[in-house]
Amino acid sequence: MRAIDLLNGRLKLRHLVLVVAIADQGSVLRAAEHLRLAQPAVTRSLREVEHILGVELFTRGPRGVTPTMFGDAFVEHARAVLAELRRAGERITGLADGEVGTVTIGTLLAGSNVLLPRAIAALKRDRPGITVIVQEATFDAQVPRLLDGEIDLILGRLNPIGDLRGLRQVTLYGEPIRLVARHGHPARSRPGLALADLLDYPWVLPLEQTALRTELEQVFRAGGLEPPGDLVECTSVLTVRTLVRDTDMIAALPQLVAETDADIAPLPVPLETVRRQVGVTLPAHRAPTPSARLMLEHLRREATKIAAA
């Protein structure tokens, strides 16, 4: 296949916006509605891009469109280009007045209920024109978006980054993971409560692909126990807290999450081997935008207060 020159002026910025919108919306019609364009115009522009590239980007079906392998590859690069352009615009604006911008934070359980709200409140007092976007997901789901520039940082319990290239981490403070249950849970009346006793009750745990789930399972196996079989898998802190509060379920939550809910409390069963460091994960080779840099400053400041409390 001949080399494709995408810098000859034929490929336009609107083509990138359009292709990403089609991938996100799953159909040409919904993409047209999202972009507030006529469907024929979107269809025509998609054909233009496919003609420029010489490949089909989407397969059409009765329920919409699905990216081909060429489409997946092109959408990935298009997202990165658009994210960088958004960052460039924000950086110029931030350099001009330092008063407006957007910072997008990917959050995990730890740090989301005390540190992050405090840091956001402090940032908004200083810079009310900065928009803060918070999105909750697992660490593995957040990393590609961080590398593509769609989010500025990931806040939460620091996960091993191993051979993941392009990432760096900053530790903010230490926060233990505690096993928690509601007040009045029957396990609280058992003398000499141990981890094995808790297997008599249902559990709500993080998803299998998360580092915390792996570490919790290692705790069970180190004690010669099988991990709970009666369980719910969940990443939503609100859902986890409600299940623990309203049922006999047991969960593993950051200490500050447990301490700020009057209806639940830690159980006297320690998790000594579970890592405790809370911090931020950042792109290694991309400077933060002015808004993200201000957010980091406030996170550091509020984390110092929490550690000293």
Protein backbone atom coordinates (compact mmCIF):
# COMPACT_ATOMS: atom_id res chain seq x y z
CA MET A 1 0.00 0.00 0.00
CA ARG A 2 1.29 3.48 -0.87
CA ALA A 3 2.42 5.81 1.90
CA ILE A 4 -0.36 8.17 3.02
CA ASP A 5 0.46 11.86 3.32
CA LEU A 6 -1.97 13.38 5.82
CA LEU A 7 -0.21 16.76 5.85
CA ASN A 8 -0.98 17.74 2.26
CA GLY A 9 -4.05 19.76 3.26
CA ARG A 10 -6.73 17.31 2.21
CA LEU A 11 -7.42 16.01 5.73
CA LYS A 12 -9.23 18.66 7.76
CA LEU A 13 -9.70 19.09 11.48
CA ARG A 14 -13.46 18.61 11.01
CA HIS A 15 -12.72 15.13 9.65
CA LEU A 16 -11.06 14.16 12.95
CA VAL A 17 -13.94 15.57 14.99
CA LEU A 18 -16.46 13.74 12.84
CA VAL A 19 -14.73 10.34 12.95
CA VAL A 20 -14.37 10.48 16.74
CA ALA A 21 -18.03 11.48 17.08
CA ILE A 22 -19.15 8.54 14.93
CA ALA A 23 -17.03 6.15 17.01
CA ASP A 24 -18.41 7.57 20.27
CA GLN A 25 -22.04 7.67 19.17
CA GLY A 26 -22.07 4.33 17.35
CA SER A 27 -24.02 5.61 14.36
CA VAL A 28 -23.86 8.27 11.67
CA LEU A 29 -27.31 9.57 12.61
CA ARG A 30 -26.46 10.03 16.31
CA ALA A 31 -23.14 11.60 15.38
CA ALA A 32 -24.96 14.07 13.13
CA GLU A 33 -27.36 14.95 15.95
CA HIS A 34 -24.47 15.33 18.39
CA LEU A 35 -22.59 17.64 16.02
CA ARG A 36 -25.79 19.41 14.98
CA LEU A 37 -25.19 18.63 11.32
CA ALA A 38 -27.35 17.10 8.63
CA GLN A 39 -26.86 13.35 8.25
CA PRO A 40 -25.97 13.60 4.51
CA ALA A 41 -23.17 16.04 5.38
CA VAL A 42 -21.74 13.63 7.95
CA THR A 43 -22.00 10.71 5.53
CA ARG A 44 -20.27 12.76 2.82
CA SER A 45 -17.46 13.82 5.13
CA LEU A 46 -16.91 10.23 6.30
CA ARG A 47 -16.58 9.13 2.68
CA GLU A 48 -14.03 11.91 2.16
CA VAL A 49 -11.89 10.62 5.02
CA GLU A 50 -12.12 7.03 3.83
CA HIS A 51 -11.15 8.16 0.33
CA ILE A 52 -8.14 10.07 1.66
CA LEU A 53 -6.99 7.06 3.69
CA GLY A 54 -7.92 4.50 1.09
CA VAL A 55 -9.55 2.20 3.66
CA GLU A 56 -12.96 1.63 5.24
CA LEU A 57 -13.13 3.01 8.78
CA PHE A 58 -16.53 1.62 9.81
CA THR A 59 -18.70 -1.33 8.91
CA ARG A 60 -22.38 -0.48 8.62
CA GLY A 61 -25.05 -2.61 10.26
CA PRO A 62 -28.76 -2.40 11.09
CA ARG A 63 -28.01 -0.97 14.55
CA GLY A 64 -25.29 1.46 13.63
CA VAL A 65 -21.61 1.33 12.76
CA THR A 66 -18.60 -0.55 14.15
CA PRO A 67 -14.98 0.58 13.66
CA THR A 68 -12.81 -1.65 11.48
CA MET A 69 -9.21 -2.28 12.55
CA PHE A 70 -8.31 0.77 10.42
CA GLY A 71 -11.04 2.74 12.15
CA ASP A 72 -9.82 1.78 15.63
CA ALA A 73 -6.28 2.87 14.73
CA PHE A 74 -7.35 6.16 13.14
CA VAL A 75 -9.76 7.04 15.97
CA GLU A 76 -6.99 6.50 18.53
CA HIS A 77 -4.74 9.00 16.73
CA ALA A 78 -7.62 11.41 16.09
CA ARG A 79 -8.46 11.47 19.81
CA ALA A 80 -4.84 12.24 20.67
CA VAL A 81 -4.64 15.06 18.10
CA LEU A 82 -7.89 16.64 19.30
CA ALA A 83 -6.84 16.31 22.94
CA GLU A 84 -3.52 18.03 22.21
CA LEU A 85 -5.26 20.85 20.36
CA ARG A 86 -7.63 21.35 23.28
CA ARG A 87 -4.64 21.43 25.59
CA ALA A 88 -2.87 23.94 23.34
CA GLY A 89 -5.87 26.24 23.42
CA GLU A 90 -6.14 25.93 27.19
CA ARG A 91 -2.43 26.55 27.64
CA ILE A 92 -2.50 29.74 25.57
CA THR A 93 -5.54 30.96 27.48
CA GLY A 94 -3.98 29.96 30.79
CA LEU A 95 -0.77 31.76 29.95
CA ALA A 96 -2.77 34.82 28.98
CA ASP A 97 -4.79 35.23 32.17
CA GLY A 98 -4.59 32.13 34.38
CA GLU A 99 -8.27 32.46 35.16
CA VAL A 100 -10.07 29.94 32.95
CA GLY A 101 -9.54 26.38 31.75
CA THR A 102 -10.57 22.79 32.36
CA VAL A 103 -8.98 20.01 34.38
CA THR A 104 -10.24 16.45 34.00
CA ILE A 105 -9.54 14.02 36.85
CA GLY A 106 -9.91 10.27 36.72
CA THR A 107 -10.67 9.05 40.24
CA LEU A 108 -10.49 5.76 42.10
CA LEU A 109 -11.98 5.00 45.54
CA ALA A 110 -9.12 6.28 47.70
CA GLY A 111 -8.93 10.05 47.82
CA SER A 112 -12.29 10.57 46.17
CA ASN A 113 -14.37 11.38 49.25
CA VAL A 114 -12.11 13.68 51.32
CA LEU A 115 -8.95 14.78 49.51
CA LEU A 116 -10.50 15.47 46.11
CA PRO A 117 -13.54 17.49 47.32
CA ARG A 118 -11.29 19.59 49.55
CA ALA A 119 -8.81 20.25 46.75
CA ILE A 120 -11.60 21.11 44.28
CA ALA A 121 -13.18 23.51 46.76
CA ALA A 122 -9.84 25.23 47.32
CA LEU A 123 -9.16 25.46 43.60
CA LYS A 124 -12.60 26.94 42.91
CA ARG A 125 -12.08 29.55 45.60
CA ASP A 126 -8.87 30.65 43.88
CA ARG A 127 -9.96 30.17 40.26
CA PRO A 128 -13.76 30.10 39.90
CA GLY A 129 -13.39 30.19 36.11
CA ILE A 130 -11.71 26.77 36.00
CA THR A 131 -14.06 23.88 35.20
CA VAL A 132 -13.30 20.62 37.03
CA ILE A 133 -14.47 17.34 35.48
CA VAL A 134 -14.35 14.18 37.64
CA GLN A 135 -14.76 10.75 36.06
CA GLU A 136 -14.77 7.49 38.03
CA ALA A 137 -13.48 4.22 36.54
CA THR A 138 -10.91 1.49 37.19
CA PHE A 139 -7.21 2.31 36.87
CA ASP A 140 -6.79 0.12 33.79
CA ALA A 141 -9.67 1.90 32.06
CA GLN A 142 -8.26 5.34 32.90
CA VAL A 143 -4.66 4.83 31.72
CA PRO A 144 -5.31 4.88 27.93
CA ARG A 145 -7.34 8.09 28.31
CA LEU A 146 -4.56 9.62 30.40
CA LEU A 147 -1.97 8.78 27.75
CA ASP A 148 -4.24 10.12 24.98
CA GLY A 149 -4.65 13.41 26.86
CA GLU A 150 -8.39 13.04 27.48
CA ILE A 151 -7.83 13.24 31.24
CA ASP A 152 -5.10 15.18 33.05
CA LEU A 153 -4.38 12.93 36.01
CA ILE A 154 -5.58 9.85 37.90
CA LEU A 155 -6.12 10.22 41.66
CA GLY A 156 -6.36 7.25 43.98
CA ARG A 157 -4.46 4.37 45.52
CA LEU A 158 -1.22 4.06 43.56
CA ASN A 159 -1.32 0.99 41.33
CA PRO A 160 1.85 -0.69 40.08
CA ILE A 161 2.66 0.74 36.67
CA GLY A 162 5.27 -1.95 35.91
CA ASP A 163 6.27 -1.78 32.27
CA LEU A 164 3.58 0.78 31.35
CA ARG A 165 5.55 3.41 29.51
CA GLY A 166 4.88 7.10 29.63
CA LEU A 167 3.61 7.28 33.23
CA ARG A 168 4.93 8.76 36.45
CA GLN A 169 3.46 8.74 39.94
CA VAL A 170 3.50 11.18 42.86
CA THR A 171 2.72 9.95 46.38
CA LEU A 172 0.48 12.28 48.39
CA TYR A 173 -0.23 10.45 51.67
CA GLY A 174 -0.82 7.03 53.20
CA GLU A 175 -4.31 5.69 53.86
CA PRO A 176 -5.02 2.15 55.13
CA ILE A 177 -7.58 -0.13 53.49
CA ARG A 178 -10.07 -1.40 56.09
CA LEU A 179 -12.67 -4.14 56.10
CA VAL A 180 -16.00 -2.50 56.91
CA ALA A 181 -19.55 -3.48 57.80
CA ARG A 182 -22.67 -1.79 59.10
CA HIS A 183 -23.22 -1.04 62.77
CA GLY A 184 -25.09 -3.98 64.26
CA HIS A 185 -23.60 -6.48 61.80
CA PRO A 186 -23.73 -9.98 63.35
CA ALA A 187 -19.98 -10.45 62.85
CA ARG A 188 -19.31 -7.73 65.43
CA SER A 189 -20.66 -9.94 68.24
CA ARG A 190 -18.31 -12.85 67.44
CA PRO A 191 -15.45 -13.17 69.95
CA GLY A 192 -11.93 -13.14 68.52
CA LEU A 193 -13.20 -12.16 65.08
CA ALA A 194 -10.88 -13.37 62.29
CA LEU A 195 -10.85 -13.18 58.51
CA ALA A 196 -12.14 -16.75 58.22
CA ASP A 197 -15.26 -15.80 60.19
CA LEU A 198 -16.14 -13.14 57.64
CA LEU A 199 -16.49 -15.73 54.88
CA ASP A 200 -19.88 -16.61 56.40
CA TYR A 201 -21.24 -13.35 55.00
CA PRO A 202 -21.62 -11.88 51.49
CA TRP A 203 -18.97 -9.45 50.18
CA VAL A 204 -18.80 -6.54 47.77
CA LEU A 205 -15.37 -6.37 46.12
CA PRO A 206 -13.59 -4.43 43.37
CA LEU A 207 -13.55 -5.85 39.84
CA GLU A 208 -11.22 -8.76 39.12
CA GLN A 209 -8.82 -6.73 36.96
CA THR A 210 -8.08 -4.20 39.71
CA ALA A 211 -4.92 -4.24 41.82
CA LEU A 212 -6.90 -4.03 45.09
CA ARG A 213 -8.91 -7.14 44.20
CA THR A 214 -5.67 -9.02 43.51
CA GLU A 215 -4.17 -7.95 46.83
CA LEU A 216 -7.29 -8.89 48.77
CA GLU A 217 -7.31 -12.35 47.22
CA GLN A 218 -3.65 -12.72 48.20
CA VAL A 219 -4.59 -11.89 51.80
CA PHE A 220 -7.13 -14.73 51.80
CA ARG A 221 -4.75 -17.25 50.24
CA ALA A 222 -1.94 -16.25 52.62
CA GLY A 223 -4.30 -17.26 55.44
CA GLY A 224 -5.07 -20.59 53.78
CA LEU A 225 -8.53 -19.39 52.71
CA GLU A 226 -10.39 -19.25 49.44
CA PRO A 227 -11.67 -15.77 48.42
CA PRO A 228 -15.39 -15.15 49.02
CA GLY A 229 -17.75 -16.97 46.69
CA ASP A 230 -20.84 -14.98 47.64
CA LEU A 231 -19.98 -11.56 46.26
CA VAL A 232 -20.90 -8.52 44.21
CA GLU A 233 -18.27 -6.82 42.05
CA CYS A 234 -18.56 -3.03 42.04
CA THR A 235 -16.43 0.11 41.50
CA SER A 236 -19.05 2.70 42.50
CA VAL A 237 -18.30 3.97 46.00
CA LEU A 238 -21.91 5.12 46.44
CA THR A 239 -23.26 1.65 45.60
CA VAL A 240 -20.69 -0.07 47.80
CA ARG A 241 -21.54 2.12 50.80
CA THR A 242 -25.28 1.58 50.31
CA LEU A 243 -24.90 -2.20 50.07
CA VAL A 244 -22.76 -2.32 53.20
CA ARG A 245 -25.12 -0.01 55.09
CA ASP A 246 -28.35 -1.82 54.15
CA THR A 247 -27.23 -5.47 54.12
CA ASP A 248 -24.79 -7.84 55.84
CA MET A 249 -22.24 -7.36 53.07
CA ILE A 250 -18.60 -6.71 53.91
CA ALA A 251 -16.34 -4.48 51.84
CA ALA A 252 -12.75 -3.24 51.73
CA LEU A 253 -12.70 0.57 51.68
CA PRO A 254 -10.11 3.30 52.25
CA GLN A 255 -10.15 4.36 55.88
CA LEU A 256 -11.34 7.91 55.15
CA VAL A 257 -14.29 6.56 53.19
CA ALA A 258 -15.28 4.37 56.12
CA GLU A 259 -14.79 7.13 58.70
CA THR A 260 -16.99 9.64 56.88
CA ASP A 261 -20.05 7.38 56.77
CA ALA A 262 -21.91 7.31 60.10
CA ASP A 263 -23.72 4.08 59.19
CA ILE A 264 -20.66 1.86 58.65
CA ALA A 265 -17.44 1.25 60.58
CA PRO A 266 -14.22 -0.76 60.29
CA LEU A 267 -14.04 -4.33 61.55
CA PRO A 268 -11.17 -5.38 63.85
CA VAL A 269 -9.53 -7.49 61.14
CA PRO A 270 -6.37 -5.83 59.76
CA LEU A 271 -5.14 -5.92 56.16
CA GLU A 272 -1.46 -5.39 56.85
CA THR A 273 -0.13 -6.43 53.44
CA VAL A 274 -2.45 -4.21 51.34
CA ARG A 275 -0.63 -1.14 49.98
CA ARG A 276 -1.62 2.18 51.47
CA GLN A 277 -0.14 4.91 49.27
CA VAL A 278 -2.56 7.43 47.72
CA GLY A 279 -1.32 9.71 44.98
CA VAL A 280 -1.60 10.85 41.39
CA THR A 281 -0.58 9.16 38.15
CA LEU A 282 0.53 11.55 35.41
CA PRO A 283 1.87 11.41 31.85
CA ALA A 284 5.67 11.26 32.07
CA HIS A 285 6.44 13.22 28.93
CA ARG A 286 3.68 15.83 28.85
CA ALA A 287 3.66 18.97 30.95
CA PRO A 288 0.40 19.60 32.83
CA THR A 289 -1.83 22.40 31.62
CA PRO A 290 -2.04 25.50 33.84
CA SER A 291 -5.37 24.26 35.25
CA ALA A 292 -3.99 20.78 35.96
CA ARG A 293 -0.90 22.28 37.59
CA LEU A 294 -3.09 24.36 39.93
CA MET A 295 -5.14 21.25 40.75
CA LEU A 296 -1.96 19.36 41.63
CA GLU A 297 -0.85 22.16 43.93
CA HIS A 298 -4.12 22.04 45.83
CA LEU A 299 -4.06 18.23 46.01
CA ARG A 300 -0.58 18.37 47.55
CA ARG A 301 -1.63 21.07 50.00
CA GLU A 302 -4.77 19.26 51.17
CA ALA A 303 -2.97 15.92 51.34
CA THR A 304 -0.42 17.46 53.71
CA LYS A 305 -3.27 18.57 55.98
CA ILE A 306 -4.84 15.10 55.93
CA ALA A 307 -1.51 13.42 56.74
CA ALA A 308 -0.97 15.81 59.66
CA ALA A 309 -4.45 15.28 61.13
